[in-house]
């Protein structure tokens, strides 16, 4: 009999950015999974917050796209295993919003 595992585990804690070293604060609007300054993340989850991925590679922000309900979405590629991920850009977080300048810098990257 298979278990119904949650697709989202709420983990909202501070962490040092593995790319730039910035002390990333927790989010007030959702669970933060990337640096608000450089937008990089870590490949530690299979499903959000489960910490079940064995990779641990850096997730490089490659591009972005608009989602009709979620707003801007950042497209990532893992530098270690080439896994692709998409995460929500935190545009209006009360603690610290993501850098729109960093998002716009992705415009020169390949889309998707």
C-alpha atoms as a PDB file:
ATOM      1  CA  UNK A   1       0.000   0.000   0.000  1.00  0.00           C
ATOM      2  CA  UNK A   2       1.498   3.351  -1.018  1.00  0.00           C
ATOM      3  CA  UNK A   3       1.536   6.338   1.284  1.00  0.00           C
ATOM      4  CA  UNK A   4       0.196   9.704   0.224  1.00  0.00           C
ATOM      5  CA  UNK A   5       3.205  11.882   0.872  1.00  0.00           C
ATOM      6  CA  UNK A   6       2.662  15.651   0.989  1.00  0.00           C
ATOM      7  CA  UNK A   7       3.728  17.621  -2.087  1.00  0.00           C
ATOM      8  CA  UNK A   8       4.685  20.606   0.068  1.00  0.00           C
ATOM      9  CA  UNK A   9       6.379  20.611   3.465  1.00  0.00           C
ATOM     10  CA  UNK A  10       6.462  24.016   5.140  1.00  0.00           C
ATOM     11  CA  UNK A  11      10.031  24.941   6.085  1.00  0.00           C
ATOM     12  CA  UNK A  12      10.608  28.666   6.447  1.00  0.00           C
ATOM     13  CA  UNK A  13      13.915  29.368   8.122  1.00  0.00           C
ATOM     14  CA  UNK A  14      16.958  31.533   7.571  1.00  0.00           C
ATOM     15  CA  UNK A  15      20.012  30.127   5.780  1.00  0.00           C
ATOM     16  CA  UNK A  16      23.270  31.401   4.275  1.00  0.00           C
ATOM     17  CA  UNK A  17      23.202  31.614   0.470  1.00  0.00           C
ATOM     18  CA  UNK A  18      25.505  28.914  -0.916  1.00  0.00           C
ATOM     19  CA  UNK A  19      26.269  31.135  -3.927  1.00  0.00           C
ATOM     20  CA  UNK A  20      26.905  34.642  -2.532  1.00  0.00           C
ATOM     21  CA  UNK A  21      26.974  34.084   1.253  1.00  0.00           C
ATOM     22  CA  UNK A  22      24.107  36.497   2.011  1.00  0.00           C
ATOM     23  CA  UNK A  23      22.284  35.651   5.292  1.00  0.00           C
ATOM     24  CA  UNK A  24      18.842  34.871   3.801  1.00  0.00           C
ATOM     25  CA  UNK A  25      15.951  35.724   6.152  1.00  0.00           C
ATOM     26  CA  UNK A  26      12.730  33.685   6.343  1.00  0.00           C
ATOM     27  CA  UNK A  27       9.868  34.925   4.190  1.00  0.00           C
ATOM     28  CA  UNK A  28       6.696  36.438   5.613  1.00  0.00           C
ATOM     29  CA  UNK A  29       4.531  35.485   2.620  1.00  0.00           C
ATOM     30  CA  UNK A  30       5.558  31.857   1.969  1.00  0.00           C
ATOM     31  CA  UNK A  31       8.514  29.500   2.474  1.00  0.00           C
ATOM     32  CA  UNK A  32      11.701  30.980   1.013  1.00  0.00           C
ATOM     33  CA  UNK A  33      13.868  28.584  -0.965  1.00  0.00           C
ATOM     34  CA  UNK A  34      16.294  30.936  -2.713  1.00  0.00           C
ATOM     35  CA  UNK A  35      18.432  33.984  -2.063  1.00  0.00           C
ATOM     36  CA  UNK A  36      16.550  37.295  -2.473  1.00  0.00           C
ATOM     37  CA  UNK A  37      19.745  38.999  -3.707  1.00  0.00           C
ATOM     38  CA  UNK A  38      21.260  36.638  -6.316  1.00  0.00           C
ATOM     39  CA  UNK A  39      18.201  34.308  -6.690  1.00  0.00           C
ATOM     40  CA  UNK A  40      20.323  31.126  -6.507  1.00  0.00           C
ATOM     41  CA  UNK A  41      19.009  28.073  -4.639  1.00  0.00           C
ATOM     42  CA  UNK A  42      20.110  24.566  -3.625  1.00  0.00           C
ATOM     43  CA  UNK A  43      18.915  21.257  -5.028  1.00  0.00           C
ATOM     44  CA  UNK A  44      17.858  19.707  -1.714  1.00  0.00           C
ATOM     45  CA  UNK A  45      14.170  18.874  -2.362  1.00  0.00           C
ATOM     46  CA  UNK A  46      12.280  16.425  -4.538  1.00  0.00           C
ATOM     47  CA  UNK A  47       8.999  18.088  -3.526  1.00  0.00           C
ATOM     48  CA  UNK A  48       9.129  21.543  -1.874  1.00  0.00           C
ATOM     49  CA  UNK A  49      10.487  21.297   1.666  1.00  0.00           C
ATOM     50  CA  UNK A  50      10.937  17.509   1.830  1.00  0.00           C
ATOM     51  CA  UNK A  51      14.778  17.634   1.812  1.00  0.00           C
ATOM     52  CA  UNK A  52      14.704  14.281  -0.046  1.00  0.00           C
ATOM     53  CA  UNK A  53      17.071  15.132  -2.931  1.00  0.00           C
ATOM     54  CA  UNK A  54      20.535  13.635  -2.552  1.00  0.00           C
ATOM     55  CA  UNK A  55      22.157  16.044  -5.026  1.00  0.00           C
ATOM     56  CA  UNK A  56      22.894  19.230  -3.048  1.00  0.00           C
ATOM     57  CA  UNK A  57      24.042  21.065  -6.185  1.00  0.00           C
ATOM     58  CA  UNK A  58      23.593  24.777  -6.794  1.00  0.00           C
ATOM     59  CA  UNK A  59      20.415  25.703  -8.677  1.00  0.00           C
ATOM     60  CA  UNK A  60      21.326  28.480 -11.104  1.00  0.00           C
ATOM     61  CA  UNK A  61      18.538  30.895 -12.071  1.00  0.00           C
ATOM     62  CA  UNK A  62      18.426  30.747 -15.882  1.00  0.00           C
ATOM     63  CA  UNK A  63      15.264  32.555 -16.943  1.00  0.00           C
ATOM     64  CA  UNK A  64      11.852  33.688 -15.801  1.00  0.00           C
ATOM     65  CA  UNK A  65       8.291  33.659 -17.059  1.00  0.00           C
ATOM     66  CA  UNK A  66       4.947  35.066 -15.982  1.00  0.00           C
ATOM     67  CA  UNK A  67       2.420  32.660 -14.455  1.00  0.00           C
ATOM     68  CA  UNK A  68      -1.229  33.825 -14.606  1.00  0.00           C
ATOM     69  CA  UNK A  69      -1.911  33.017 -10.930  1.00  0.00           C
ATOM     70  CA  UNK A  70       1.509  32.909  -9.222  1.00  0.00           C
ATOM     71  CA  UNK A  71       3.237  35.904 -10.808  1.00  0.00           C
ATOM     72  CA  UNK A  72       6.881  35.722 -11.905  1.00  0.00           C
ATOM     73  CA  UNK A  73       8.415  32.256 -11.856  1.00  0.00           C
ATOM     74  CA  UNK A  74      12.178  31.657 -11.827  1.00  0.00           C
ATOM     75  CA  UNK A  75      13.447  28.769 -13.950  1.00  0.00           C
ATOM     76  CA  UNK A  76      16.467  26.943 -12.506  1.00  0.00           C
ATOM     77  CA  UNK A  77      18.958  24.338 -13.674  1.00  0.00           C
ATOM     78  CA  UNK A  78      21.076  22.310 -11.241  1.00  0.00           C
ATOM     79  CA  UNK A  79      24.789  22.802 -11.876  1.00  0.00           C
ATOM     80  CA  UNK A  80      25.529  19.274 -10.632  1.00  0.00           C
ATOM     81  CA  UNK A  81      22.833  16.993 -12.128  1.00  0.00           C
ATOM     82  CA  UNK A  82      21.054  19.226 -14.699  1.00  0.00           C
ATOM     83  CA  UNK A  83      17.645  18.892 -12.975  1.00  0.00           C
ATOM     84  CA  UNK A  84      15.221  21.677 -13.911  1.00  0.00           C
ATOM     85  CA  UNK A  85      13.085  23.455 -11.286  1.00  0.00           C
ATOM     86  CA  UNK A  86      10.683  26.400 -11.193  1.00  0.00           C
ATOM     87  CA  UNK A  87      10.137  28.583  -8.105  1.00  0.00           C
ATOM     88  CA  UNK A  88       8.024  31.626  -7.384  1.00  0.00           C
ATOM     89  CA  UNK A  89       9.722  35.049  -7.371  1.00  0.00           C
ATOM     90  CA  UNK A  90       8.869  36.803  -4.071  1.00  0.00           C
ATOM     91  CA  UNK A  91       7.999  40.241  -5.373  1.00  0.00           C
ATOM     92  CA  UNK A  92       6.168  41.695  -2.351  1.00  0.00           C
ATOM     93  CA  UNK A  93       7.456  39.887   0.723  1.00  0.00           C
ATOM     94  CA  UNK A  94       7.099  41.908   3.955  1.00  0.00           C
ATOM     95  CA  UNK A  95      10.478  40.707   5.301  1.00  0.00           C
ATOM     96  CA  UNK A  96      12.584  41.069   2.137  1.00  0.00           C
ATOM     97  CA  UNK A  97      11.390  40.987  -1.456  1.00  0.00           C
ATOM     98  CA  UNK A  98      13.467  39.332  -4.157  1.00  0.00           C
ATOM     99  CA  UNK A  99      15.698  41.587  -6.240  1.00  0.00           C
ATOM    100  CA  UNK A 100      13.822  42.643  -9.375  1.00  0.00           C
ATOM    101  CA  UNK A 101      17.159  43.815 -10.810  1.00  0.00           C
ATOM    102  CA  UNK A 102      18.531  40.257 -10.459  1.00  0.00           C
ATOM    103  CA  UNK A 103      15.401  38.904 -12.150  1.00  0.00           C
ATOM    104  CA  UNK A 104      15.800  41.289 -15.078  1.00  0.00           C
ATOM    105  CA  UNK A 105      19.438  40.228 -15.489  1.00  0.00           C
ATOM    106  CA  UNK A 106      18.102  36.779 -16.455  1.00  0.00           C
ATOM    107  CA  UNK A 107      16.604  38.309 -19.602  1.00  0.00           C
ATOM    108  CA  UNK A 108      19.842  37.596 -21.473  1.00  0.00           C
ATOM    109  CA  UNK A 109      19.710  33.887 -20.551  1.00  0.00           C
ATOM    110  CA  UNK A 110      18.021  31.213 -22.645  1.00  0.00           C
ATOM    111  CA  UNK A 111      14.299  30.981 -21.842  1.00  0.00           C
ATOM    112  CA  UNK A 112      12.825  27.906 -20.113  1.00  0.00           C
END
